[in-house]
């Protein structure tokens, strides 16, 4: 559905006929307006590639964190190169990165190490907070259905300015 049709559907969704349930199926929840997502219960139907996809997302996040810690614009572009063509994967990377960077901040404050990302324990808390802010801003852009290539560019520019 395009944005105008989603807005019409939103009116029905907010005041549905009695005893009516809707099942909305889409390739990515990011294709739906945030107002619709906020009024629905989201279920992810996983496929056989979920584990492989999850490992790829974590590897991408590690590459991005490494590039951000090196302060190399070229490394940042290289780490994010494949994300500009795949909005769904970029959304997944940003969502997972939001969790990971927040966990790293919490662990750092408690003087603990986030084992899976221990190689980034030298990134300062200030820089982690800046990365978290960039990730949050990017998540908001994705939720507003901004062009994916522009969102990736904005994300890269933000990381490059750290």
C-alpha atoms as a PDB file:
ATOM      1  CA  UNK A   1       0.000   0.000   0.000  1.00  0.00           C
ATOM      2  CA  UNK A   2       1.176   3.495  -0.690  1.00  0.00           C
ATOM      3  CA  UNK A   3       1.075   6.201   1.997  1.00  0.00           C
ATOM      4  CA  UNK A   4      -2.373   7.640   1.140  1.00  0.00           C
ATOM      5  CA  UNK A   5      -3.982   4.188   1.156  1.00  0.00           C
ATOM      6  CA  UNK A   6      -2.255   3.373   4.453  1.00  0.00           C
ATOM      7  CA  UNK A   7      -3.722   6.546   5.952  1.00  0.00           C
ATOM      8  CA  UNK A   8      -7.216   5.484   4.823  1.00  0.00           C
ATOM      9  CA  UNK A   9      -6.633   2.018   6.269  1.00  0.00           C
ATOM     10  CA  UNK A  10      -5.460   3.604   9.525  1.00  0.00           C
ATOM     11  CA  UNK A  11      -8.931   5.094  10.072  1.00  0.00           C
ATOM     12  CA  UNK A  12     -10.489   1.638   9.765  1.00  0.00           C
ATOM     13  CA  UNK A  13      -7.792   0.119  11.955  1.00  0.00           C
ATOM     14  CA  UNK A  14      -8.414   2.669  14.722  1.00  0.00           C
ATOM     15  CA  UNK A  15     -12.183   2.011  14.744  1.00  0.00           C
ATOM     16  CA  UNK A  16     -12.717  -1.468  13.307  1.00  0.00           C
ATOM     17  CA  UNK A  17     -16.140  -3.020  12.892  1.00  0.00           C
ATOM     18  CA  UNK A  18     -17.150  -5.193  15.818  1.00  0.00           C
ATOM     19  CA  UNK A  19     -15.510  -8.662  15.960  1.00  0.00           C
ATOM     20  CA  UNK A  20     -13.199  -7.907  13.044  1.00  0.00           C
ATOM     21  CA  UNK A  21      -9.508  -8.812  13.084  1.00  0.00           C
ATOM     22  CA  UNK A  22      -7.003  -7.747  10.462  1.00  0.00           C
ATOM     23  CA  UNK A  23      -3.973  -9.701   9.360  1.00  0.00           C
ATOM     24  CA  UNK A  24      -1.498  -7.547   7.492  1.00  0.00           C
ATOM     25  CA  UNK A  25       1.235  -9.320   5.572  1.00  0.00           C
ATOM     26  CA  UNK A  26       4.181  -7.423   4.134  1.00  0.00           C
ATOM     27  CA  UNK A  27       7.798  -8.051   3.236  1.00  0.00           C
ATOM     28  CA  UNK A  28       9.069  -5.593   5.815  1.00  0.00           C
ATOM     29  CA  UNK A  29       7.369  -3.783   8.646  1.00  0.00           C
ATOM     30  CA  UNK A  30       9.359  -0.725   7.597  1.00  0.00           C
ATOM     31  CA  UNK A  31       7.127  -0.492   4.522  1.00  0.00           C
ATOM     32  CA  UNK A  32       4.200   0.351   6.817  1.00  0.00           C
ATOM     33  CA  UNK A  33       3.668   3.778   8.357  1.00  0.00           C
ATOM     34  CA  UNK A  34       4.835   4.091  11.968  1.00  0.00           C
ATOM     35  CA  UNK A  35       1.259   4.966  12.974  1.00  0.00           C
ATOM     36  CA  UNK A  36       0.039   1.616  11.645  1.00  0.00           C
ATOM     37  CA  UNK A  37       2.942  -0.291  13.222  1.00  0.00           C
ATOM     38  CA  UNK A  38       2.190   1.322  16.584  1.00  0.00           C
ATOM     39  CA  UNK A  39      -1.374   0.004  16.470  1.00  0.00           C
ATOM     40  CA  UNK A  40      -0.538  -3.550  15.491  1.00  0.00           C
ATOM     41  CA  UNK A  41       1.084  -6.580  16.975  1.00  0.00           C
ATOM     42  CA  UNK A  42       4.022  -7.601  14.805  1.00  0.00           C
ATOM     43  CA  UNK A  43       5.017 -11.200  14.230  1.00  0.00           C
ATOM     44  CA  UNK A  44       8.101 -12.057  12.233  1.00  0.00           C
ATOM     45  CA  UNK A  45       7.792 -15.159  10.127  1.00  0.00           C
ATOM     46  CA  UNK A  46      11.286 -16.540   9.961  1.00  0.00           C
ATOM     47  CA  UNK A  47      12.654 -18.629   7.174  1.00  0.00           C
ATOM     48  CA  UNK A  48      15.531 -21.049   6.955  1.00  0.00           C
ATOM     49  CA  UNK A  49      17.990 -18.204   6.359  1.00  0.00           C
ATOM     50  CA  UNK A  50      17.365 -16.441   9.681  1.00  0.00           C
ATOM     51  CA  UNK A  51      20.452 -17.808  11.432  1.00  0.00           C
ATOM     52  CA  UNK A  52      22.707 -17.040   8.479  1.00  0.00           C
ATOM     53  CA  UNK A  53      21.146 -13.583   8.152  1.00  0.00           C
ATOM     54  CA  UNK A  54      21.642 -12.881  11.858  1.00  0.00           C
ATOM     55  CA  UNK A  55      25.320 -13.825  11.643  1.00  0.00           C
ATOM     56  CA  UNK A  56      25.738 -11.581   8.588  1.00  0.00           C
ATOM     57  CA  UNK A  57      24.083  -8.675  10.428  1.00  0.00           C
ATOM     58  CA  UNK A  58      26.387  -9.101  13.422  1.00  0.00           C
ATOM     59  CA  UNK A  59      29.416  -9.260  11.131  1.00  0.00           C
ATOM     60  CA  UNK A  60      28.286  -6.071   9.382  1.00  0.00           C
ATOM     61  CA  UNK A  61      27.885  -4.338  12.753  1.00  0.00           C
ATOM     62  CA  UNK A  62      31.388  -5.406  13.765  1.00  0.00           C
ATOM     63  CA  UNK A  63      32.764  -3.992  10.499  1.00  0.00           C
ATOM     64  CA  UNK A  64      30.916  -0.703  11.085  1.00  0.00           C
ATOM     65  CA  UNK A  65      32.165  -0.443  14.684  1.00  0.00           C
ATOM     66  CA  UNK A  66      35.701  -1.218  13.575  1.00  0.00           C
ATOM     67  CA  UNK A  67      35.514   1.439  10.860  1.00  0.00           C
ATOM     68  CA  UNK A  68      34.070   3.993  13.293  1.00  0.00           C
ATOM     69  CA  UNK A  69      36.816   3.278  15.818  1.00  0.00           C
ATOM     70  CA  UNK A  70      39.501   3.661  13.123  1.00  0.00           C
ATOM     71  CA  UNK A  71      37.929   6.962  12.019  1.00  0.00           C
ATOM     72  CA  UNK A  72      38.387   5.960   8.386  1.00  0.00           C
ATOM     73  CA  UNK A  73      35.782   7.302   5.952  1.00  0.00           C
ATOM     74  CA  UNK A  74      36.741   4.681   3.376  1.00  0.00           C
ATOM     75  CA  UNK A  75      36.313   1.862   5.922  1.00  0.00           C
ATOM     76  CA  UNK A  76      32.883   3.204   6.900  1.00  0.00           C
ATOM     77  CA  UNK A  77      31.788   3.301   3.260  1.00  0.00           C
ATOM     78  CA  UNK A  78      33.160  -0.193   2.677  1.00  0.00           C
ATOM     79  CA  UNK A  79      31.380  -1.585   5.770  1.00  0.00           C
ATOM     80  CA  UNK A  80      28.033  -0.108   4.720  1.00  0.00           C
ATOM     81  CA  UNK A  81      28.319  -0.627   0.944  1.00  0.00           C
ATOM     82  CA  UNK A  82      25.836  -3.484   0.678  1.00  0.00           C
ATOM     83  CA  UNK A  83      23.208  -1.802   2.862  1.00  0.00           C
ATOM     84  CA  UNK A  84      22.236   0.924   0.386  1.00  0.00           C
ATOM     85  CA  UNK A  85      20.624  -1.647  -1.908  1.00  0.00           C
ATOM     86  CA  UNK A  86      18.678  -3.546   0.757  1.00  0.00           C
ATOM     87  CA  UNK A  87      16.354  -1.498   2.967  1.00  0.00           C
ATOM     88  CA  UNK A  88      15.230  -4.488   4.997  1.00  0.00           C
ATOM     89  CA  UNK A  89      18.788  -5.520   5.887  1.00  0.00           C
ATOM     90  CA  UNK A  90      19.712  -1.928   6.718  1.00  0.00           C
ATOM     91  CA  UNK A  91      16.711  -1.742   9.046  1.00  0.00           C
ATOM     92  CA  UNK A  92      17.789  -4.972  10.729  1.00  0.00           C
ATOM     93  CA  UNK A  93      21.379  -3.745  11.099  1.00  0.00           C
ATOM     94  CA  UNK A  94      20.220  -0.465  12.651  1.00  0.00           C
ATOM     95  CA  UNK A  95      17.806  -2.210  15.026  1.00  0.00           C
ATOM     96  CA  UNK A  96      20.451  -4.700  16.178  1.00  0.00           C
ATOM     97  CA  UNK A  97      23.133  -2.022  16.344  1.00  0.00           C
ATOM     98  CA  UNK A  98      20.901   0.097  18.576  1.00  0.00           C
ATOM     99  CA  UNK A  99      20.692  -2.803  21.032  1.00  0.00           C
ATOM    100  CA  UNK A 100      24.404  -3.669  20.830  1.00  0.00           C
ATOM    101  CA  UNK A 101      25.706  -0.127  21.278  1.00  0.00           C
ATOM    102  CA  UNK A 102      23.292   0.476  24.175  1.00  0.00           C
ATOM    103  CA  UNK A 103      24.488  -2.755  25.814  1.00  0.00           C
ATOM    104  CA  UNK A 104      28.099  -1.722  25.286  1.00  0.00           C
ATOM    105  CA  UNK A 105      27.370   1.608  27.031  1.00  0.00           C
ATOM    106  CA  UNK A 106      25.665  -0.121  29.953  1.00  0.00           C
ATOM    107  CA  UNK A 107      28.458  -2.684  30.320  1.00  0.00           C
ATOM    108  CA  UNK A 108      31.096   0.066  30.125  1.00  0.00           C
ATOM    109  CA  UNK A 109      29.389   2.040  32.904  1.00  0.00           C
ATOM    110  CA  UNK A 110      29.327  -1.101  35.065  1.00  0.00           C
ATOM    111  CA  UNK A 111      33.003  -1.734  34.245  1.00  0.00           C
ATOM    112  CA  UNK A 112      32.013  -4.978  32.515  1.00  0.00           C
ATOM    113  CA  UNK A 113      32.894  -6.280  29.051  1.00  0.00           C
ATOM    114  CA  UNK A 114      30.360  -7.185  26.395  1.00  0.00           C
ATOM    115  CA  UNK A 115      32.035 -10.487  25.502  1.00  0.00           C
ATOM    116  CA  UNK A 116      30.810 -10.815  21.917  1.00  0.00           C
ATOM    117  CA  UNK A 117      32.102  -7.311  21.148  1.00  0.00           C
ATOM    118  CA  UNK A 118      35.127  -7.263  23.449  1.00  0.00           C
ATOM    119  CA  UNK A 119      37.444  -6.139  20.622  1.00  0.00           C
ATOM    120  CA  UNK A 120      35.709  -2.752  20.804  1.00  0.00           C
ATOM    121  CA  UNK A 121      36.270  -2.256  24.534  1.00  0.00           C
ATOM    122  CA  UNK A 122      38.684   0.586  23.762  1.00  0.00           C
ATOM    123  CA  UNK A 123      36.010   2.759  22.151  1.00  0.00           C
ATOM    124  CA  UNK A 124      35.338   5.552  24.628  1.00  0.00           C
ATOM    125  CA  UNK A 125      31.950   5.875  26.284  1.00  0.00           C
ATOM    126  CA  UNK A 126      31.627   9.324  24.687  1.00  0.00           C
ATOM    127  CA  UNK A 127      32.110   7.849  21.221  1.00  0.00           C
ATOM    128  CA  UNK A 128      29.711   4.975  21.965  1.00  0.00           C
ATOM    129  CA  UNK A 129      27.064   7.498  22.973  1.00  0.00           C
ATOM    130  CA  UNK A 130      27.669   9.447  19.765  1.00  0.00           C
ATOM    131  CA  UNK A 131      27.317   6.238  17.737  1.00  0.00           C
ATOM    132  CA  UNK A 132      24.104   5.430  19.612  1.00  0.00           C
ATOM    133  CA  UNK A 133      22.725   8.889  18.751  1.00  0.00           C
ATOM    134  CA  UNK A 134      23.556   8.401  15.059  1.00  0.00           C
ATOM    135  CA  UNK A 135      21.888   4.978  15.099  1.00  0.00           C
ATOM    136  CA  UNK A 136      18.791   6.451  16.788  1.00  0.00           C
ATOM    137  CA  UNK A 137      18.612   9.266  14.232  1.00  0.00           C
ATOM    138  CA  UNK A 138      18.956   6.730  11.410  1.00  0.00           C
ATOM    139  CA  UNK A 139      16.217   4.560  12.915  1.00  0.00           C
ATOM    140  CA  UNK A 140      13.912   7.583  12.953  1.00  0.00           C
ATOM    141  CA  UNK A 141      14.684   8.277   9.283  1.00  0.00           C
ATOM    142  CA  UNK A 142      13.904   4.657   8.392  1.00  0.00           C
ATOM    143  CA  UNK A 143      10.611   4.895  10.299  1.00  0.00           C
ATOM    144  CA  UNK A 144       9.744   7.970   8.217  1.00  0.00           C
ATOM    145  CA  UNK A 145      10.279   5.879   5.064  1.00  0.00           C
ATOM    146  CA  UNK A 146      13.146   8.038   3.808  1.00  0.00           C
ATOM    147  CA  UNK A 147      14.931   6.809   0.704  1.00  0.00           C
ATOM    148  CA  UNK A 148      17.224   3.983   1.853  1.00  0.00           C
ATOM    149  CA  UNK A 149      20.287   5.224  -0.028  1.00  0.00           C
ATOM    150  CA  UNK A 150      19.912   8.644   1.583  1.00  0.00           C
ATOM    151  CA  UNK A 151      19.538   7.040   5.022  1.00  0.00           C
ATOM    152  CA  UNK A 152      22.732   5.013   4.505  1.00  0.00           C
ATOM    153  CA  UNK A 153      24.575   8.152   3.295  1.00  0.00           C
ATOM    154  CA  UNK A 154      23.408  10.142   6.327  1.00  0.00           C
ATOM    155  CA  UNK A 155      24.477   7.266   8.582  1.00  0.00           C
ATOM    156  CA  UNK A 156      27.955   7.190   6.971  1.00  0.00           C
ATOM    157  CA  UNK A 157      28.339  10.961   7.225  1.00  0.00           C
ATOM    158  CA  UNK A 158      27.391  10.847  10.904  1.00  0.00           C
ATOM    159  CA  UNK A 159      29.937   8.128  11.644  1.00  0.00           C
ATOM    160  CA  UNK A 160      32.581   9.939   9.613  1.00  0.00           C
ATOM    161  CA  UNK A 161      32.218  13.048  11.766  1.00  0.00           C
ATOM    162  CA  UNK A 162      32.983  11.298  15.060  1.00  0.00           C
END
